[in-house]
Amino acid sequence: MIPPIASNFVAGETAAAAIDHVDDLNARGVHGILNLLGEHYEERENADADADAYVDLANALAERETDACLSVKPSQIGLGVGDAAFEENLARIVAAADCFVWIDMEDHTTTDVTLDAFERHARETDGNVGVCVQANLKRTGEDLERLADLPGKVRLVKGAYDEPAEIAYREKARVDEAYREYLTYMFEHFEDGIAVGSHDPAMIELAQDLHADHGTPFEIQMLTGVRERAQFDLAEEYEVYQYIPYGSKWFSYFYRRIRERKQNALFALRAIVGR
């Protein structure tokens, strides 16, 4: 059983519980992005099993007509085994899904293979996939230039991984500056949709202003259990998606989110109080 403090951030241990959570969100105007917890597999059997679970999840969503996307991590579906395992499992998930599929971004060592996979599937599916880029990485400006003309969606986040200083901005103010710069570029140059992955009210307000100026379609994405009142309020006017982790590996997910950065512990407590 998931304890109360963790259950604020994880939708349950089963796909059925996660879909029920999405149905509740849909009734309040919020869409769902479902992520089966699991990552950094080095054995093909584990990667294949999670890919099978995503195919089953896609089928269940179609049967229930639930308004949700899928979100997969490359290291979860085979990248730790090898590029071929990742590519094969991603291809069968995308082929099975009637819904949109997001490819999450992990640490900087996975950036190139992840973007390559996104570009291939974006072209093959006419934009039914999305990818995440991180504002703290110094390479992101060039990556956005590459992605601007591709079909599909791109999610901009600040970045949660503890990357080396030579390749990443580490000061919060500098990351915020980069986020504003990249978000502005995206609203000026992207046509197929932008996902604003942020809980920062200042960044969401900037996105609203940029949308008013340029008319570029966009959506706001936030995590389960974080600023949920704001999610429902924003959904009255904008497209809002909640990123929904679920599965039996909830403990490692929750513990890692707290351990990665000290401020995450305070953030978690504030999120519970401010729901």
Protein backbone atom coordinates (compact mmCIF):
# COMPACT_ATOMS: atom_id res chain seq x y z
CA MET A 1 0.00 0.00 0.00
CA ILE A 2 1.24 3.46 -0.87
CA PRO A 3 1.51 5.67 2.25
CA PRO A 4 -0.41 8.98 2.26
CA ILE A 5 2.57 11.29 1.66
CA ALA A 6 3.60 9.29 -1.42
CA SER A 7 0.04 8.76 -2.66
CA ASN A 8 -0.20 12.50 -3.22
CA PHE A 9 2.29 12.09 -6.06
CA VAL A 10 1.54 8.58 -7.38
CA ALA A 11 -1.87 7.58 -8.78
CA GLY A 12 -1.75 3.98 -7.58
CA GLU A 13 0.01 0.71 -8.17
CA THR A 14 -2.10 -0.56 -11.07
CA ALA A 15 -3.06 0.67 -14.52
CA ALA A 16 -6.72 0.46 -13.54
CA ALA A 17 -6.16 2.82 -10.60
CA ALA A 18 -4.25 5.23 -12.83
CA ILE A 19 -7.00 5.25 -15.46
CA ASP A 20 -9.60 5.88 -12.75
CA HIS A 21 -7.51 8.85 -11.66
CA VAL A 22 -7.49 10.17 -15.22
CA ASP A 23 -11.25 9.77 -15.51
CA ASP A 24 -11.65 11.91 -12.40
CA LEU A 25 -9.35 14.55 -13.89
CA ASN A 26 -11.19 14.49 -17.22
CA ALA A 27 -14.43 15.27 -15.39
CA ARG A 28 -12.76 18.47 -14.16
CA GLY A 29 -11.32 19.46 -17.53
CA VAL A 30 -7.74 18.21 -17.04
CA HIS A 31 -6.07 15.68 -19.36
CA GLY A 32 -3.71 12.92 -18.25
CA ILE A 33 -0.22 11.75 -19.14
CA LEU A 34 0.36 8.25 -17.78
CA ASN A 35 3.83 7.04 -16.84
CA LEU A 36 4.47 3.52 -15.60
CA LEU A 37 7.22 3.82 -13.01
CA GLY A 38 10.47 2.10 -13.91
CA GLU A 39 13.81 3.08 -15.44
CA HIS A 40 17.50 2.22 -15.83
CA TYR A 41 16.94 -1.42 -16.75
CA GLU A 42 20.00 -3.28 -17.93
CA GLU A 43 18.23 -6.54 -18.73
CA ARG A 44 16.14 -6.93 -21.87
CA GLU A 45 13.50 -8.97 -20.05
CA ASN A 46 12.60 -6.06 -17.75
CA ALA A 47 12.54 -3.55 -20.60
CA ASP A 48 10.34 -5.80 -22.71
CA ALA A 49 7.97 -6.37 -19.79
CA ASP A 50 7.41 -2.64 -19.30
CA ALA A 51 6.96 -2.16 -23.04
CA ASP A 52 4.33 -4.91 -22.94
CA ALA A 53 2.64 -3.07 -20.06
CA TYR A 54 2.51 0.12 -22.12
CA VAL A 55 0.92 -1.72 -25.04
CA ASP A 56 -1.69 -3.12 -22.65
CA LEU A 57 -2.23 0.35 -21.21
CA ALA A 58 -2.76 1.81 -24.67
CA ASN A 59 -5.38 -0.84 -25.39
CA ALA A 60 -7.13 -0.20 -22.06
CA LEU A 61 -7.28 3.54 -22.72
CA ALA A 62 -8.82 2.91 -26.12
CA GLU A 63 -11.42 0.55 -24.70
CA ARG A 64 -12.47 3.02 -21.98
CA GLU A 65 -12.18 6.07 -24.24
CA THR A 66 -10.15 7.82 -21.55
CA ASP A 67 -8.51 11.13 -22.51
CA ALA A 68 -4.85 10.40 -21.75
CA CYS A 69 -1.40 10.22 -23.31
CA LEU A 70 1.44 7.82 -22.59
CA SER A 71 4.89 8.86 -21.43
CA VAL A 72 7.90 6.53 -21.60
CA LYS A 73 11.49 6.79 -20.45
CA PRO A 74 14.17 5.50 -22.84
CA SER A 75 16.08 3.73 -20.05
CA GLN A 76 12.85 2.01 -19.04
CA ILE A 77 12.21 0.39 -22.39
CA GLY A 78 15.69 -0.75 -23.30
CA LEU A 79 18.23 2.04 -23.71
CA GLY A 80 20.37 0.56 -20.92
CA VAL A 81 20.40 -2.69 -22.85
CA GLY A 82 21.26 -1.04 -26.16
CA ASP A 83 19.94 1.37 -28.75
CA ALA A 84 18.29 -1.42 -30.73
CA ALA A 85 16.25 -2.64 -27.74
CA PHE A 86 15.05 0.90 -27.04
CA GLU A 87 14.14 1.55 -30.66
CA GLU A 88 12.27 -1.75 -31.06
CA ASN A 89 10.22 -1.30 -27.90
CA LEU A 90 9.44 2.35 -28.60
CA ALA A 91 8.30 1.44 -32.12
CA ARG A 92 5.82 -1.15 -30.90
CA ILE A 93 4.44 1.17 -28.20
CA VAL A 94 3.91 3.95 -30.75
CA ALA A 95 2.33 1.49 -33.19
CA ALA A 96 -0.07 0.17 -30.55
CA ALA A 97 -1.17 3.56 -29.23
CA ASP A 98 -4.14 5.42 -30.64
CA CYS A 99 -3.21 8.18 -28.20
CA PHE A 100 -0.30 10.61 -28.13
CA VAL A 101 3.05 9.24 -26.89
CA TRP A 102 5.61 11.35 -25.05
CA ILE A 103 9.28 10.37 -24.94
CA ASP A 104 10.75 11.63 -21.67
CA MET A 105 14.25 13.07 -21.50
CA GLU A 106 16.71 11.71 -18.96
CA ASP A 107 20.29 12.78 -18.23
CA HIS A 108 22.53 14.35 -20.86
CA THR A 109 24.04 11.02 -21.95
CA THR A 110 20.68 10.06 -23.49
CA THR A 111 19.88 13.30 -25.29
CA ASP A 112 21.09 12.45 -28.79
CA VAL A 113 19.50 9.00 -29.05
CA THR A 114 16.24 10.35 -27.60
CA LEU A 115 16.03 13.22 -30.07
CA ASP A 116 16.88 10.89 -32.96
CA ALA A 117 14.06 8.55 -31.94
CA PHE A 118 11.63 11.44 -31.62
CA GLU A 119 12.50 12.82 -35.05
CA ARG A 120 12.00 9.44 -36.71
CA HIS A 121 8.64 8.75 -35.09
CA ALA A 122 7.44 12.34 -35.46
CA ARG A 123 7.87 12.05 -39.22
CA GLU A 124 6.44 8.53 -39.43
CA THR A 125 3.32 9.32 -37.35
CA ASP A 126 2.78 12.86 -38.62
CA GLY A 127 3.37 14.31 -35.20
CA ASN A 128 1.72 11.83 -32.83
CA VAL A 129 4.73 11.84 -30.51
CA GLY A 130 6.39 14.42 -28.29
CA VAL A 131 9.74 14.90 -26.60
CA CYS A 132 11.07 16.80 -23.62
CA VAL A 133 13.99 19.25 -23.59
CA GLN A 134 15.66 20.77 -20.55
CA ALA A 135 16.45 24.45 -20.10
CA ASN A 136 19.43 23.80 -17.85
CA LEU A 137 21.39 22.12 -20.65
CA LYS A 138 23.52 24.56 -22.63
CA ARG A 139 22.88 22.64 -25.86
CA THR A 140 19.10 23.13 -25.75
CA GLY A 141 19.07 26.26 -27.91
CA GLU A 142 20.62 24.34 -30.80
CA ASP A 143 18.32 21.37 -30.17
CA LEU A 144 15.27 23.63 -30.45
CA GLU A 145 16.47 24.91 -33.82
CA ARG A 146 16.57 21.29 -35.00
CA LEU A 147 13.11 20.51 -33.61
CA ALA A 148 11.29 23.65 -34.71
CA ASP A 149 10.20 22.37 -38.13
CA LEU A 150 9.31 18.83 -37.07
CA PRO A 151 5.73 17.66 -36.49
CA GLY A 152 4.79 16.70 -32.95
CA LYS A 153 5.08 18.53 -29.65
CA VAL A 154 8.04 19.60 -27.52
CA ARG A 155 7.86 19.96 -23.75
CA LEU A 156 10.18 22.48 -22.09
CA VAL A 157 11.18 21.82 -18.48
CA LYS A 158 13.85 23.39 -16.31
CA GLY A 159 15.66 20.07 -15.75
CA ALA A 160 15.97 17.95 -12.62
CA TYR A 161 19.20 16.05 -13.23
CA ASP A 162 22.44 17.04 -11.51
CA GLU A 163 24.45 17.68 -14.67
CA PRO A 164 28.13 18.77 -14.88
CA ALA A 165 28.75 22.53 -14.91
CA GLU A 166 30.56 22.38 -18.25
CA ILE A 167 27.38 21.33 -20.04
CA ALA A 168 24.62 22.73 -17.83
CA TYR A 169 23.58 25.88 -16.02
CA ARG A 170 23.50 25.21 -12.30
CA GLU A 171 22.34 28.49 -10.81
CA LYS A 172 18.57 28.81 -10.49
CA ALA A 173 18.54 32.36 -11.86
CA ARG A 174 20.48 31.28 -14.95
CA VAL A 175 18.21 28.30 -15.55
CA ASP A 176 15.18 30.60 -15.26
CA GLU A 177 16.75 32.98 -17.74
CA ALA A 178 17.37 30.15 -20.19
CA TYR A 179 13.80 28.88 -19.75
CA ARG A 180 12.38 32.30 -20.62
CA GLU A 181 14.68 32.58 -23.63
CA TYR A 182 13.84 29.11 -24.97
CA LEU A 183 10.11 29.48 -24.33
CA THR A 184 10.07 32.74 -26.26
CA TYR A 185 11.90 31.10 -29.16
CA MET A 186 9.41 28.22 -29.18
CA PHE A 187 6.37 30.50 -29.36
CA GLU A 188 8.02 32.39 -32.21
CA HIS A 189 9.14 29.36 -34.26
CA PHE A 190 7.07 26.28 -33.35
CA GLU A 191 3.74 25.63 -35.05
CA ASP A 192 2.63 22.16 -33.94
CA GLY A 193 2.33 22.84 -30.22
CA ILE A 194 4.34 23.64 -27.13
CA ALA A 195 4.12 22.00 -23.73
CA VAL A 196 5.06 24.24 -20.81
CA GLY A 197 6.32 21.80 -18.21
CA SER A 198 6.49 24.01 -15.15
CA HIS A 199 4.85 24.74 -11.82
CA ASP A 200 6.43 28.21 -11.75
CA PRO A 201 3.65 30.82 -11.94
CA ALA A 202 6.04 33.28 -13.62
CA MET A 203 6.78 30.87 -16.48
CA ILE A 204 3.12 30.01 -16.94
CA GLU A 205 2.26 33.71 -17.05
CA LEU A 206 4.99 34.25 -19.65
CA ALA A 207 3.50 31.45 -21.75
CA GLN A 208 0.07 33.05 -21.53
CA ASP A 209 1.51 36.37 -22.69
CA LEU A 210 3.44 34.75 -25.54
CA HIS A 211 0.33 32.88 -26.64
CA ALA A 212 -1.59 36.15 -26.72
CA ASP A 213 1.15 37.71 -28.85
CA HIS A 214 1.78 34.86 -31.30
CA GLY A 215 -1.28 32.60 -31.16
CA THR A 216 0.90 29.47 -31.00
CA PRO A 217 -1.04 26.53 -29.50
CA PHE A 218 0.29 25.41 -26.13
CA GLU A 219 -0.53 23.31 -23.12
CA ILE A 220 0.49 23.43 -19.48
CA GLN A 221 1.85 20.28 -17.84
CA MET A 222 2.21 19.72 -14.10
CA LEU A 223 2.83 16.74 -11.85
CA THR A 224 0.27 14.83 -9.86
CA GLY A 225 -0.09 16.36 -6.41
CA VAL A 226 1.58 19.67 -7.24
CA ARG A 227 -0.48 22.87 -7.42
CA GLU A 228 -3.60 20.91 -8.27
CA ARG A 229 -5.91 23.80 -7.45
CA ALA A 230 -4.02 25.87 -10.02
CA GLN A 231 -4.33 23.04 -12.54
CA PHE A 232 -8.12 23.05 -12.30
CA ASP A 233 -8.29 26.84 -12.40
CA LEU A 234 -6.03 27.03 -15.48
CA ALA A 235 -8.04 24.29 -17.20
CA GLU A 236 -11.01 26.63 -17.39
CA GLU A 237 -9.16 28.59 -20.08
CA TYR A 238 -6.15 26.56 -21.25
CA GLU A 239 -5.21 22.98 -22.11
CA VAL A 240 -3.81 21.43 -18.91
CA TYR A 241 -2.23 18.00 -18.60
CA GLN A 242 -1.31 16.23 -15.39
CA TYR A 243 1.73 13.94 -15.50
CA ILE A 244 0.64 10.82 -13.62
CA PRO A 245 3.16 8.25 -12.36
CA TYR A 246 1.82 4.89 -11.23
CA GLY A 247 3.06 1.38 -10.54
CA SER A 248 4.69 -0.85 -7.95
CA LYS A 249 8.01 1.03 -8.09
CA TRP A 250 6.51 4.07 -6.36
CA PHE A 251 9.01 4.03 -3.47
CA SER A 252 12.12 4.50 -5.60
CA TYR A 253 10.38 7.26 -7.59
CA PHE A 254 9.25 9.17 -4.51
CA TYR A 255 12.56 8.72 -2.67
CA ARG A 256 14.60 9.81 -5.68
CA ARG A 257 12.50 12.94 -6.21
CA ILE A 258 13.20 13.93 -2.60
CA ARG A 259 16.88 12.93 -2.70
CA GLU A 260 17.77 14.56 -6.03
CA ARG A 261 17.47 18.06 -4.64
CA LYS A 262 16.99 19.20 -1.07
CA GLN A 263 14.36 21.72 -2.11
CA ASN A 264 12.19 18.89 -3.42
CA ALA A 265 11.44 17.84 0.17
CA LEU A 266 10.08 21.27 1.02
CA PHE A 267 8.36 21.43 -2.34
CA ALA A 268 6.57 18.16 -1.63
CA LEU A 269 5.29 19.39 1.71
CA ARG A 270 4.19 22.71 0.25
CA ALA A 271 2.41 20.90 -2.56
CA ILE A 272 0.38 18.87 -0.10
CA VAL A 273 -0.61 21.93 1.89
CA GLY A 274 -1.40 23.98 -1.22
CA ARG A 275 -3.46 21.45 -3.19
